[in-house]
PDB file of N, CA and C in Angstrom:
ATOM      1  N   MET A   1      40.878  23.629 -74.628  1.00  0.00           N
ATOM      2  CA  MET A   1      41.826  23.019 -73.940  1.00  0.00           C
ATOM      3  C   MET A   1      42.715  23.604 -72.688  1.00  0.00           C
ATOM      4  N   CYS A   2      42.732  23.239 -71.167  1.00  0.00           N
ATOM      5  CA  CYS A   2      43.267  23.560 -70.414  1.00  0.00           C
ATOM      6  C   CYS A   2      43.952  22.529 -69.482  1.00  0.00           C
ATOM      7  N   ASP A   3      45.364  22.907 -68.987  1.00  0.00           N
ATOM      8  CA  ASP A   3      45.859  21.977 -68.107  1.00  0.00           C
ATOM      9  C   ASP A   3      45.819  22.400 -66.731  1.00  0.00           C
ATOM     10  N   ALA A   4      45.877  21.286 -66.044  1.00  0.00           N
ATOM     11  CA  ALA A   4      45.946  21.479 -64.329  1.00  0.00           C
ATOM     12  C   ALA A   4      46.952  20.609 -63.534  1.00  0.00           C
ATOM     13  N   VAL A   5      47.494  21.158 -62.787  1.00  0.00           N
ATOM     14  CA  VAL A   5      48.612  20.312 -61.961  1.00  0.00           C
ATOM     15  C   VAL A   5      48.308  20.422 -60.778  1.00  0.00           C
ATOM     16  N   GLU A   6      48.033  19.320 -59.818  1.00  0.00           N
ATOM     17  CA  GLU A   6      47.686  19.261 -58.499  1.00  0.00           C
ATOM     18  C   GLU A   6      48.206  17.853 -57.887  1.00  0.00           C
ATOM     19  N   ILE A   7      48.672  17.982 -56.822  1.00  0.00           N
ATOM     20  CA  ILE A   7      49.306  17.240 -56.122  1.00  0.00           C
ATOM     21  C   ILE A   7      48.648  16.069 -55.160  1.00  0.00           C
ATOM     22  N   ASN A   8      47.889  16.626 -54.942  1.00  0.00           N
ATOM     23  CA  ASN A   8      46.469  16.111 -53.655  1.00  0.00           C
ATOM     24  C   ASN A   8      45.556  15.242 -54.499  1.00  0.00           C
ATOM     25  N   SER A   9      45.526  14.078 -54.707  1.00  0.00           N
ATOM     26  CA  SER A   9      45.174  13.512 -55.388  1.00  0.00           C
ATOM     27  C   SER A   9      43.642  12.835 -54.967  1.00  0.00           C
ATOM     28  N   GLY A  10      42.754  13.700 -53.811  1.00  0.00           N
ATOM     29  CA  GLY A  10      41.549  13.649 -54.261  1.00  0.00           C
ATOM     30  C   GLY A  10      41.284  15.082 -54.781  1.00  0.00           C
ATOM     31  N   LEU A  11      41.893  16.275 -54.580  1.00  0.00           N
ATOM     32  CA  LEU A  11      41.399  17.137 -55.295  1.00  0.00           C
ATOM     33  C   LEU A  11      41.547  17.116 -56.995  1.00  0.00           C
ATOM     34  N   VAL A  12      42.831  15.971 -57.400  1.00  0.00           N
ATOM     35  CA  VAL A  12      42.422  15.871 -58.664  1.00  0.00           C
ATOM     36  C   VAL A  12      41.558  14.802 -59.525  1.00  0.00           C
ATOM     37  N   ARG A  13      40.986  14.378 -58.178  1.00  0.00           N
ATOM     38  CA  ARG A  13      39.727  13.481 -58.481  1.00  0.00           C
ATOM     39  C   ARG A  13      38.331  14.356 -58.824  1.00  0.00           C
ATOM     40  N   TYR A  14      38.164  15.262 -57.850  1.00  0.00           N
ATOM     41  CA  TYR A  14      37.142  16.265 -58.019  1.00  0.00           C
ATOM     42  C   TYR A  14      37.635  16.925 -59.466  1.00  0.00           C
ATOM     43  N   LEU A  15      38.767  17.672 -59.697  1.00  0.00           N
ATOM     44  CA  LEU A  15      38.721  17.964 -60.942  1.00  0.00           C
ATOM     45  C   LEU A  15      38.522  17.527 -62.205  1.00  0.00           C
ATOM     46  N   ARG A  16      38.985  16.107 -62.119  1.00  0.00           N
ATOM     47  CA  ARG A  16      38.635  15.430 -63.047  1.00  0.00           C
ATOM     48  C   ARG A  16      37.129  14.805 -63.246  1.00  0.00           C
ATOM     49  N   GLU A  17      36.555  15.066 -62.504  1.00  0.00           N
ATOM     50  CA  GLU A  17      34.724  14.591 -62.131  1.00  0.00           C
ATOM     51  C   GLU A  17      33.845  16.081 -62.673  1.00  0.00           C
ATOM     52  N   ASN A  18      34.813  17.056 -62.071  1.00  0.00           N
ATOM     53  CA  ASN A  18      33.656  17.982 -62.195  1.00  0.00           C
ATOM     54  C   ASN A  18      34.114  19.170 -63.547  1.00  0.00           C
ATOM     55  N   PHE A  19      35.175  19.242 -64.083  1.00  0.00           N
ATOM     56  CA  PHE A  19      35.655  20.186 -64.933  1.00  0.00           C
ATOM     57  C   PHE A  19      35.919  19.419 -66.463  1.00  0.00           C
ATOM     58  N   ASN A  20      34.937  19.837 -67.325  1.00  0.00           N
ATOM     59  CA  ASN A  20      34.918  19.252 -68.928  1.00  0.00           C
ATOM     60  C   ASN A  20      36.365  19.847 -69.365  1.00  0.00           C
ATOM     61  N   GLY A  21      37.043  19.594 -70.371  1.00  0.00           N
ATOM     62  CA  GLY A  21      38.003  20.377 -70.734  1.00  0.00           C
ATOM     63  C   GLY A  21      39.401  20.479 -70.243  1.00  0.00           C
ATOM     64  N   VAL A  22      39.382  20.110 -69.544  1.00  0.00           N
ATOM     65  CA  VAL A  22      40.601  20.070 -68.561  1.00  0.00           C
ATOM     66  C   VAL A  22      41.505  18.819 -67.988  1.00  0.00           C
ATOM     67  N   ARG A  23      42.785  19.008 -68.705  1.00  0.00           N
ATOM     68  CA  ARG A  23      44.029  17.859 -68.721  1.00  0.00           C
ATOM     69  C   ARG A  23      44.278  18.034 -67.297  1.00  0.00           C
ATOM     70  N   VAL A  24      43.857  17.143 -66.387  1.00  0.00           N
ATOM     71  CA  VAL A  24      44.664  17.016 -64.898  1.00  0.00           C
ATOM     72  C   VAL A  24      45.636  16.212 -64.927  1.00  0.00           C
ATOM     73  N   GLN A  25      46.875  16.745 -64.540  1.00  0.00           N
ATOM     74  CA  GLN A  25      47.741  15.884 -64.290  1.00  0.00           C
ATOM     75  C   GLN A  25      48.346  16.234 -62.838  1.00  0.00           C
ATOM     76  N   CYS A  26      47.947  14.953 -62.027  1.00  0.00           N
ATOM     77  CA  CYS A  26      48.442  14.548 -60.334  1.00  0.00           C
ATOM     78  C   CYS A  26      49.945  14.441 -60.422  1.00  0.00           C
ATOM     79  N   GLY A  27      50.703  15.599 -59.842  1.00  0.00           N
ATOM     80  CA  GLY A  27      51.927  15.499 -59.431  1.00  0.00           C
ATOM     81  C   GLY A  27      52.164  16.643 -59.072  1.00  0.00           C
ATOM     82  N   ASP A  28      53.703  16.880 -58.419  1.00  0.00           N
ATOM     83  CA  ASP A  28      54.229  18.109 -58.249  1.00  0.00           C
ATOM     84  C   ASP A  28      54.926  18.926 -59.476  1.00  0.00           C
ATOM     85  N   PHE A  29      54.140  20.547 -58.964  1.00  0.00           N
ATOM     86  CA  PHE A  29      54.166  21.412 -60.333  1.00  0.00           C
ATOM     87  C   PHE A  29      56.110  21.624 -60.640  1.00  0.00           C
ATOM     88  N   MET A  30      56.527  21.505 -59.502  1.00  0.00           N
ATOM     89  CA  MET A  30      57.880  21.909 -59.809  1.00  0.00           C
ATOM     90  C   MET A  30      58.713  20.643 -60.403  1.00  0.00           C
ATOM     91  N   GLU A  31      57.922  19.505 -60.440  1.00  0.00           N
ATOM     92  CA  GLU A  31      58.877  18.689 -61.621  1.00  0.00           C
ATOM     93  C   GLU A  31      58.038  18.206 -62.728  1.00  0.00           C
ATOM     94  N   TRP A  32      57.031  18.764 -63.048  1.00  0.00           N
ATOM     95  CA  TRP A  32      56.157  18.529 -63.835  1.00  0.00           C
ATOM     96  C   TRP A  32      56.306  19.316 -65.439  1.00  0.00           C
ATOM     97  N   GLN A  33      56.717  18.633 -66.648  1.00  0.00           N
ATOM     98  CA  GLN A  33      57.553  18.862 -67.958  1.00  0.00           C
ATOM     99  C   GLN A  33      56.246  18.961 -68.661  1.00  0.00           C
ATOM    100  N   PRO A  34      55.863  20.192 -68.730  1.00  0.00           N
ATOM    101  CA  PRO A  34      54.818  20.635 -70.008  1.00  0.00           C
ATOM    102  C   PRO A  34      55.430  20.450 -71.273  1.00  0.00           C
ATOM    103  N   VAL A  35      54.272  20.306 -72.354  1.00  0.00           N
ATOM    104  CA  VAL A  35      54.743  20.059 -73.631  1.00  0.00           C
ATOM    105  C   VAL A  35      55.041  21.152 -74.446  1.00  0.00           C
ATOM    106  N   GLN A  36      54.146  22.150 -73.634  1.00  0.00           N
ATOM    107  CA  GLN A  36      54.692  23.679 -74.304  1.00  0.00           C
ATOM    108  C   GLN A  36      54.608  24.441 -73.758  1.00  0.00           C
ATOM    109  N   TYR A  37      54.458  25.996 -74.193  1.00  0.00           N
ATOM    110  CA  TYR A  37      54.341  26.964 -73.624  1.00  0.00           C
ATOM    111  C   TYR A  37      53.221  27.713 -73.359  1.00  0.00           C
ATOM    112  N   TYR A  38      52.559  28.440 -72.128  1.00  0.00           N
ATOM    113  CA  TYR A  38      51.272  29.047 -72.197  1.00  0.00           C
ATOM    114  C   TYR A  38      51.136  30.491 -72.550  1.00  0.00           C
ATOM    115  N   SER A  39      49.911  31.231 -73.229  1.00  0.00           N
ATOM    116  CA  SER A  39      49.982  32.294 -73.052  1.00  0.00           C
ATOM    117  C   SER A  39      49.231  32.814 -71.827  1.00  0.00           C
ATOM    118  N   ARG A  40      48.524  32.318 -70.776  1.00  0.00           N
ATOM    119  CA  ARG A  40      48.078  32.337 -69.857  1.00  0.00           C
ATOM    120  C   ARG A  40      47.767  31.330 -68.792  1.00  0.00           C
ATOM    121  N   ILE A  41      48.336  31.675 -67.393  1.00  0.00           N
ATOM    122  CA  ILE A  41      48.524  30.821 -66.411  1.00  0.00           C
ATOM    123  C   ILE A  41      47.832  31.734 -64.892  1.00  0.00           C
ATOM    124  N   ILE A  42      47.159  30.411 -64.563  1.00  0.00           N
ATOM    125  CA  ILE A  42      46.184  30.970 -62.885  1.00  0.00           C
ATOM    126  C   ILE A  42      46.669  30.109 -62.155  1.00  0.00           C
ATOM    127  N   MET A  43      47.009  30.788 -60.801  1.00  0.00           N
ATOM    128  CA  MET A  43      47.664  29.575 -60.095  1.00  0.00           C
ATOM    129  C   MET A  43      47.322  30.313 -59.001  1.00  0.00           C
ATOM    130  N   ASN A  44      47.385  29.054 -57.797  1.00  0.00           N
ATOM    131  CA  ASN A  44      47.004  29.301 -56.398  1.00  0.00           C
ATOM    132  C   ASN A  44      48.621  28.152 -55.828  1.00  0.00           C
ATOM    133  N   PRO A  45      49.539  28.836 -55.395  1.00  0.00           N
ATOM    134  CA  PRO A  45      50.559  27.653 -55.083  1.00  0.00           C
ATOM    135  C   PRO A  45      50.789  27.795 -53.777  1.00  0.00           C
ATOM    136  N   PRO A  46      51.161  26.725 -53.180  1.00  0.00           N
ATOM    137  CA  PRO A  46      51.311  26.935 -51.543  1.00  0.00           C
ATOM    138  C   PRO A  46      52.235  27.608 -51.295  1.00  0.00           C
ATOM    139  N   PHE A  47      51.833  28.181 -49.909  1.00  0.00           N
ATOM    140  CA  PHE A  47      52.442  29.456 -49.099  1.00  0.00           C
ATOM    141  C   PHE A  47      53.859  29.312 -48.515  1.00  0.00           C
ATOM    142  N   SER A  48      53.643  27.962 -48.013  1.00  0.00           N
ATOM    143  CA  SER A  48      54.672  28.044 -46.705  1.00  0.00           C
ATOM    144  C   SER A  48      56.234  27.734 -47.282  1.00  0.00           C
ATOM    145  N   HIS A  49      57.049  28.339 -46.846  1.00  0.00           N
ATOM    146  CA  HIS A  49      58.827  28.210 -46.687  1.00  0.00           C
ATOM    147  C   HIS A  49      59.038  28.976 -48.357  1.00  0.00           C
ATOM    148  N   GLY A  50      58.307  29.895 -48.521  1.00  0.00           N
ATOM    149  CA  GLY A  50      58.681  30.526 -50.097  1.00  0.00           C
ATOM    150  C   GLY A  50      58.375  29.564 -51.107  1.00  0.00           C
ATOM    151  N   GLN A  51      57.578  28.948 -50.846  1.00  0.00           N
ATOM    152  CA  GLN A  51      57.017  27.698 -52.317  1.00  0.00           C
ATOM    153  C   GLN A  51      56.368  28.738 -53.072  1.00  0.00           C
ATOM    154  N   ASP A  52      55.620  29.980 -52.368  1.00  0.00           N
ATOM    155  CA  ASP A  52      54.583  30.370 -53.652  1.00  0.00           C
ATOM    156  C   ASP A  52      55.623  31.160 -54.418  1.00  0.00           C
ATOM    157  N   ILE A  53      57.009  31.580 -53.728  1.00  0.00           N
ATOM    158  CA  ILE A  53      57.506  32.529 -54.829  1.00  0.00           C
ATOM    159  C   ILE A  53      58.284  31.677 -55.672  1.00  0.00           C
ATOM    160  N   ARG A  54      59.153  30.499 -55.363  1.00  0.00           N
ATOM    161  CA  ARG A  54      59.658  29.037 -56.589  1.00  0.00           C
ATOM    162  C   ARG A  54      58.445  28.983 -57.206  1.00  0.00           C
ATOM    163  N   HIS A  55      57.446  28.672 -57.367  1.00  0.00           N
ATOM    164  CA  HIS A  55      56.084  28.165 -58.412  1.00  0.00           C
ATOM    165  C   HIS A  55      55.606  29.319 -58.864  1.00  0.00           C
ATOM    166  N   ILE A  56      55.751  30.469 -58.614  1.00  0.00           N
ATOM    167  CA  ILE A  56      55.140  31.800 -59.625  1.00  0.00           C
ATOM    168  C   ILE A  56      56.157  31.920 -60.331  1.00  0.00           C
ATOM    169  N   LEU A  57      57.709  31.637 -60.105  1.00  0.00           N
ATOM    170  CA  LEU A  57      58.796  32.146 -61.087  1.00  0.00           C
ATOM    171  C   LEU A  57      59.240  30.945 -61.973  1.00  0.00           C
ATOM    172  N   ARG A  58      58.410  29.799 -61.237  1.00  0.00           N
ATOM    173  CA  ARG A  58      58.662  28.533 -62.357  1.00  0.00           C
ATOM    174  C   ARG A  58      57.650  28.760 -63.537  1.00  0.00           C
ATOM    175  N   ALA A  59      56.413  29.244 -63.080  1.00  0.00           N
ATOM    176  CA  ALA A  59      55.412  29.156 -63.856  1.00  0.00           C
ATOM    177  C   ALA A  59      55.496  30.361 -65.098  1.00  0.00           C
ATOM    178  N   PHE A  60      56.179  31.575 -64.308  1.00  0.00           N
ATOM    179  CA  PHE A  60      56.259  32.712 -65.390  1.00  0.00           C
ATOM    180  C   PHE A  60      57.540  32.263 -66.232  1.00  0.00           C
ATOM    181  N   SER A  61      58.579  31.044 -66.488  1.00  0.00           N
ATOM    182  CA  SER A  61      59.438  30.546 -67.302  1.00  0.00           C
ATOM    183  C   SER A  61      58.421  29.455 -68.062  1.00  0.00           C
ATOM    184  N   LEU A  62      57.283  29.407 -67.966  1.00  0.00           N
ATOM    185  CA  LEU A  62      56.353  28.591 -68.880  1.00  0.00           C
ATOM    186  C   LEU A  62      55.643  29.688 -69.882  1.00  0.00           C
ATOM    187  N   LEU A  63      55.606  30.918 -69.804  1.00  0.00           N
ATOM    188  CA  LEU A  63      55.142  31.679 -70.352  1.00  0.00           C
ATOM    189  C   LEU A  63      55.515  31.932 -71.774  1.00  0.00           C
ATOM    190  N   ARG A  64      54.523  31.480 -72.897  1.00  0.00           N
ATOM    191  CA  ARG A  64      54.786  32.635 -74.425  1.00  0.00           C
ATOM    192  C   ARG A  64      55.334  33.792 -74.132  1.00  0.00           C
ATOM    193  N   PRO A  65      56.239  34.629 -75.428  1.00  0.00           N
ATOM    194  CA  PRO A  65      56.467  35.872 -75.048  1.00  0.00           C
ATOM    195  C   PRO A  65      54.917  36.556 -75.186  1.00  0.00           C
ATOM    196  N   GLY A  66      54.640  37.586 -74.316  1.00  0.00           N
ATOM    197  CA  GLY A  66      53.179  38.057 -74.473  1.00  0.00           C
ATOM    198  C   GLY A  66      52.281  37.587 -73.458  1.00  0.00           C
ATOM    199  N   GLY A  67      53.094  36.496 -73.067  1.00  0.00           N
ATOM    200  CA  GLY A  67      51.940  35.714 -72.201  1.00  0.00           C
ATOM    201  C   GLY A  67      51.798  36.486 -70.615  1.00  0.00           C
ATOM    202  N   VAL A  68      50.538  36.343 -69.825  1.00  0.00           N
ATOM    203  CA  VAL A  68      49.905  36.505 -68.376  1.00  0.00           C
ATOM    204  C   VAL A  68      50.120  35.319 -67.649  1.00  0.00           C
ATOM    205  N   LEU A  69      50.540  35.974 -66.283  1.00  0.00           N
ATOM    206  CA  LEU A  69      50.244  34.764 -65.325  1.00  0.00           C
ATOM    207  C   LEU A  69      49.513  35.673 -64.027  1.00  0.00           C
ATOM    208  N   VAL A  70      48.677  35.138 -63.528  1.00  0.00           N
ATOM    209  CA  VAL A  70      47.966  35.511 -62.290  1.00  0.00           C
ATOM    210  C   VAL A  70      48.127  34.429 -61.417  1.00  0.00           C
ATOM    211  N   ALA A  71      48.129  34.845 -59.942  1.00  0.00           N
ATOM    212  CA  ALA A  71      48.438  34.198 -59.227  1.00  0.00           C
ATOM    213  C   ALA A  71      48.096  34.782 -57.692  1.00  0.00           C
ATOM    214  N   VAL A  72      48.081  33.750 -56.853  1.00  0.00           N
ATOM    215  CA  VAL A  72      47.650  34.678 -55.453  1.00  0.00           C
ATOM    216  C   VAL A  72      49.282  33.989 -54.837  1.00  0.00           C
ATOM    217  N   CYS A  73      49.254  34.881 -53.744  1.00  0.00           N
ATOM    218  CA  CYS A  73      50.439  34.481 -53.083  1.00  0.00           C
ATOM    219  C   CYS A  73      50.492  35.077 -51.835  1.00  0.00           C
ATOM    220  N   LEU A  74      51.344  34.827 -50.981  1.00  0.00           N
ATOM    221  CA  LEU A  74      51.286  36.004 -49.569  1.00  0.00           C
ATOM    222  C   LEU A  74      51.711  36.634 -49.739  1.00  0.00           C
ATOM    223  N   ASN A  75      51.826  38.225 -49.186  1.00  0.00           N
ATOM    224  CA  ASN A  75      51.507  39.324 -49.052  1.00  0.00           C
ATOM    225  C   ASN A  75      53.165  39.831 -48.211  1.00  0.00           C
ATOM    226  N   GLY A  76      53.978  39.194 -48.062  1.00  0.00           N
ATOM    227  CA  GLY A  76      55.308  39.591 -47.255  1.00  0.00           C
ATOM    228  C   GLY A  76      56.631  39.971 -47.582  1.00  0.00           C
ATOM    229  N   PRO A  77      57.288  40.709 -47.112  1.00  0.00           N
ATOM    230  CA  PRO A  77      58.640  41.136 -47.616  1.00  0.00           C
ATOM    231  C   PRO A  77      59.389  40.081 -48.743  1.00  0.00           C
ATOM    232  N   ARG A  78      59.470  39.121 -48.749  1.00  0.00           N
ATOM    233  CA  ARG A  78      59.922  37.915 -49.416  1.00  0.00           C
ATOM    234  C   ARG A  78      59.144  38.235 -50.839  1.00  0.00           C
ATOM    235  N   GLN A  79      58.116  38.361 -50.837  1.00  0.00           N
ATOM    236  CA  GLN A  79      57.155  37.827 -51.986  1.00  0.00           C
ATOM    237  C   GLN A  79      57.276  39.662 -52.470  1.00  0.00           C
ATOM    238  N   GLN A  80      57.360  40.567 -52.004  1.00  0.00           N
ATOM    239  CA  GLN A  80      57.409  41.891 -52.234  1.00  0.00           C
ATOM    240  C   GLN A  80      58.813  42.122 -52.936  1.00  0.00           C
ATOM    241  N   GLU A  81      59.862  41.545 -52.571  1.00  0.00           N
ATOM    242  CA  GLU A  81      61.199  41.689 -52.998  1.00  0.00           C
ATOM    243  C   GLU A  81      61.381  40.733 -54.436  1.00  0.00           C
ATOM    244  N   LYS A  82      61.069  39.563 -54.448  1.00  0.00           N
ATOM    245  CA  LYS A  82      60.985  38.993 -55.653  1.00  0.00           C
ATOM    246  C   LYS A  82      60.130  38.740 -56.573  1.00  0.00           C
ATOM    247  N   LEU A  83      58.876  39.445 -55.891  1.00  0.00           N
ATOM    248  CA  LEU A  83      57.750  38.761 -57.353  1.00  0.00           C
ATOM    249  C   LEU A  83      57.435  40.392 -58.025  1.00  0.00           C
ATOM    250  N   LEU A  84      57.261  41.185 -56.876  1.00  0.00           N
ATOM    251  CA  LEU A  84      56.701  42.838 -57.294  1.00  0.00           C
ATOM    252  C   LEU A  84      57.590  43.399 -58.454  1.00  0.00           C
ATOM    253  N   PRO A  85      58.687  43.204 -58.449  1.00  0.00           N
ATOM    254  CA  PRO A  85      59.585  44.150 -59.648  1.00  0.00           C
ATOM    255  C   PRO A  85      59.175  43.793 -61.218  1.00  0.00           C
ATOM    256  N   PHE A  86      58.309  42.365 -61.286  1.00  0.00           N
ATOM    257  CA  PHE A  86      58.001  41.573 -62.312  1.00  0.00           C
ATOM    258  C   PHE A  86      56.573  41.690 -62.525  1.00  0.00           C
ATOM    259  N   SER A  87      55.926  42.368 -61.497  1.00  0.00           N
ATOM    260  CA  SER A  87      54.365  42.275 -61.499  1.00  0.00           C
ATOM    261  C   SER A  87      53.916  43.733 -61.885  1.00  0.00           C
ATOM    262  N   ASP A  88      52.905  43.979 -62.836  1.00  0.00           N
ATOM    263  CA  ASP A  88      52.297  45.153 -63.124  1.00  0.00           C
ATOM    264  C   ASP A  88      50.950  45.572 -62.352  1.00  0.00           C
ATOM    265  N   VAL A  89      50.140  44.363 -62.128  1.00  0.00           N
ATOM    266  CA  VAL A  89      49.152  44.576 -60.630  1.00  0.00           C
ATOM    267  C   VAL A  89      49.281  43.656 -59.693  1.00  0.00           C
ATOM    268  N   ARG A  90      48.669  44.490 -58.410  1.00  0.00           N
ATOM    269  CA  ARG A  90      48.776  43.774 -57.210  1.00  0.00           C
ATOM    270  C   ARG A  90      47.862  44.082 -56.358  1.00  0.00           C
ATOM    271  N   GLU A  91      46.972  43.492 -55.886  1.00  0.00           N
ATOM    272  CA  GLU A  91      45.448  43.488 -55.523  1.00  0.00           C
ATOM    273  C   GLU A  91      45.717  42.783 -53.818  1.00  0.00           C
ATOM    274  N   GLU A  92      45.591  43.501 -52.751  1.00  0.00           N
ATOM    275  CA  GLU A  92      46.113  43.009 -51.503  1.00  0.00           C
ATOM    276  C   GLU A  92      44.543  42.288 -51.341  1.00  0.00           C
ATOM    277  N   LEU A  93      44.726  41.197 -50.758  1.00  0.00           N
ATOM    278  CA  LEU A  93      43.076  40.888 -50.111  1.00  0.00           C
ATOM    279  C   LEU A  93      43.013  40.537 -48.728  1.00  0.00           C
ATOM    280  N   PRO A  94      42.035  41.075 -48.395  1.00  0.00           N
ATOM    281  CA  PRO A  94      41.459  41.054 -46.621  1.00  0.00           C
ATOM    282  C   PRO A  94      42.165  40.004 -46.271  1.00  0.00           C
ATOM    283  N   ARG A  95      42.310  39.963 -44.694  1.00  0.00           N
ATOM    284  CA  ARG A  95      43.305  39.241 -44.008  1.00  0.00           C
ATOM    285  C   ARG A  95      41.877  38.042 -43.690  1.00  0.00           C
ATOM    286  N   GLY A  96      42.713  36.948 -44.155  1.00  0.00           N
ATOM    287  CA  GLY A  96      41.473  35.625 -43.399  1.00  0.00           C
ATOM    288  C   GLY A  96      40.707  35.494 -44.961  1.00  0.00           C
ATOM    289  N   THR A  97      41.175  35.713 -45.983  1.00  0.00           N
ATOM    290  CA  THR A  97      40.190  35.323 -47.480  1.00  0.00           C
ATOM    291  C   THR A  97      40.508  34.001 -47.316  1.00  0.00           C
ATOM    292  N   PHE A  98      41.529  33.162 -46.783  1.00  0.00           N
ATOM    293  CA  PHE A  98      41.737  32.215 -47.222  1.00  0.00           C
ATOM    294  C   PHE A  98      41.128  30.618 -45.823  1.00  0.00           C
ATOM    295  N   ALA A  99      40.431  30.153 -45.673  1.00  0.00           N
ATOM    296  CA  ALA A  99      39.779  29.425 -44.486  1.00  0.00           C
ATOM    297  C   ALA A  99      41.050  29.272 -43.965  1.00  0.00           C
ATOM    298  N   TYR A 100      40.763  29.115 -42.312  1.00  0.00           N
ATOM    299  CA  TYR A 100      41.704  28.123 -41.162  1.00  0.00           C
ATOM    300  C   TYR A 100      42.737  29.637 -41.076  1.00  0.00           C
ATOM    301  N   THR A 101      43.163  30.620 -42.063  1.00  0.00           N
ATOM    302  CA  THR A 101      44.330  31.193 -42.050  1.00  0.00           C
ATOM    303  C   THR A 101      43.919  32.792 -41.926  1.00  0.00           C
ATOM    304  N   ASP A 102      45.083  33.436 -41.121  1.00  0.00           N
ATOM    305  CA  ASP A 102      45.143  34.732 -41.203  1.00  0.00           C
ATOM    306  C   ASP A 102      46.433  35.127 -41.509  1.00  0.00           C
ATOM    307  N   VAL A 103      47.118  34.841 -42.636  1.00  0.00           N
ATOM    308  CA  VAL A 103      48.063  35.682 -43.260  1.00  0.00           C
ATOM    309  C   VAL A 103      47.303  36.735 -44.468  1.00  0.00           C
ATOM    310  N   PRO A 104      48.241  37.541 -44.631  1.00  0.00           N
ATOM    311  CA  PRO A 104      47.854  38.604 -45.250  1.00  0.00           C
ATOM    312  C   PRO A 104      48.454  38.087 -47.008  1.00  0.00           C
ATOM    313  N   THR A 105      47.611  38.221 -47.875  1.00  0.00           N
ATOM    314  CA  THR A 105      47.630  37.473 -49.201  1.00  0.00           C
ATOM    315  C   THR A 105      47.697  38.527 -49.875  1.00  0.00           C
ATOM    316  N   MET A 106      48.085  38.192 -51.499  1.00  0.00           N
ATOM    317  CA  MET A 106      47.624  39.464 -52.545  1.00  0.00           C
ATOM    318  C   MET A 106      47.376  38.623 -53.854  1.00  0.00           C
ATOM    319  N   ILE A 107      46.997  39.569 -54.763  1.00  0.00           N
ATOM    320  CA  ILE A 107      46.696  38.611 -56.498  1.00  0.00           C
ATOM    321  C   ILE A 107      47.701  39.493 -56.703  1.00  0.00           C
ATOM    322  N   ILE A 108      48.663  39.017 -57.622  1.00  0.00           N
ATOM    323  CA  ILE A 108      49.800  39.584 -58.789  1.00  0.00           C
ATOM    324  C   ILE A 108      49.020  39.104 -60.149  1.00  0.00           C
ATOM    325  N   ARG A 109      49.681  40.293 -60.690  1.00  0.00           N
ATOM    326  CA  ARG A 109      49.854  39.466 -62.446  1.00  0.00           C
ATOM    327  C   ARG A 109      50.918  40.051 -62.755  1.00  0.00           C
ATOM    328  N   LEU A 110      52.063  39.401 -63.667  1.00  0.00           N
ATOM    329  CA  LEU A 110      52.870  39.377 -64.366  1.00  0.00           C
ATOM    330  C   LEU A 110      53.227  39.036 -66.035  1.00  0.00           C
ATOM    331  N   ARG A 111      53.657  39.921 -66.359  1.00  0.00           N
ATOM    332  CA  ARG A 111      53.450  39.886 -68.156  1.00  0.00           C
ATOM    333  C   ARG A 111      55.103  39.030 -68.419  1.00  0.00           C
ATOM    334  N   ALA A 112      55.148  38.281 -69.466  1.00  0.00           N
ATOM    335  CA  ALA A 112      56.100  37.849 -70.009  1.00  0.00           C
ATOM    336  C   ALA A 112      56.804  39.174 -71.408  1.00  0.00           C
TER     337      ALA A 112
END
C-alpha cells in the first residue's frame, strides 16, 4: 500500500480511478498529518516561491531512519543551498522537461 497527497481534486479523482493500492488524500501536503513514518518517498512538489524546498524538507522529516526521498525540484541557487547538503544524488534535467516551462530542474535523492 502507498499513500499519495494531492491538492488538485481533478488529479485526486484520476489517481483514485487509475491506481489500485494507493490511498489518495485530497489536501495540502503541508497540513497533512500522516499516521506513520515512511521508508520511501517520491515527490513532485510545487516549484513556485520556494514551495519545493519547504515540501521536500517536510517530507524528509517524515522518513524513517535509513529512509530515502527522491524529488523533482527547481535547480536554482536556493535549492542548491538548502537541499544539496542533504542530497547524495543530483541529476540535472533538460530545460523544458515540464510542459509549458523553461525552468531548470533536477532530481535529488536524500537519505535519512
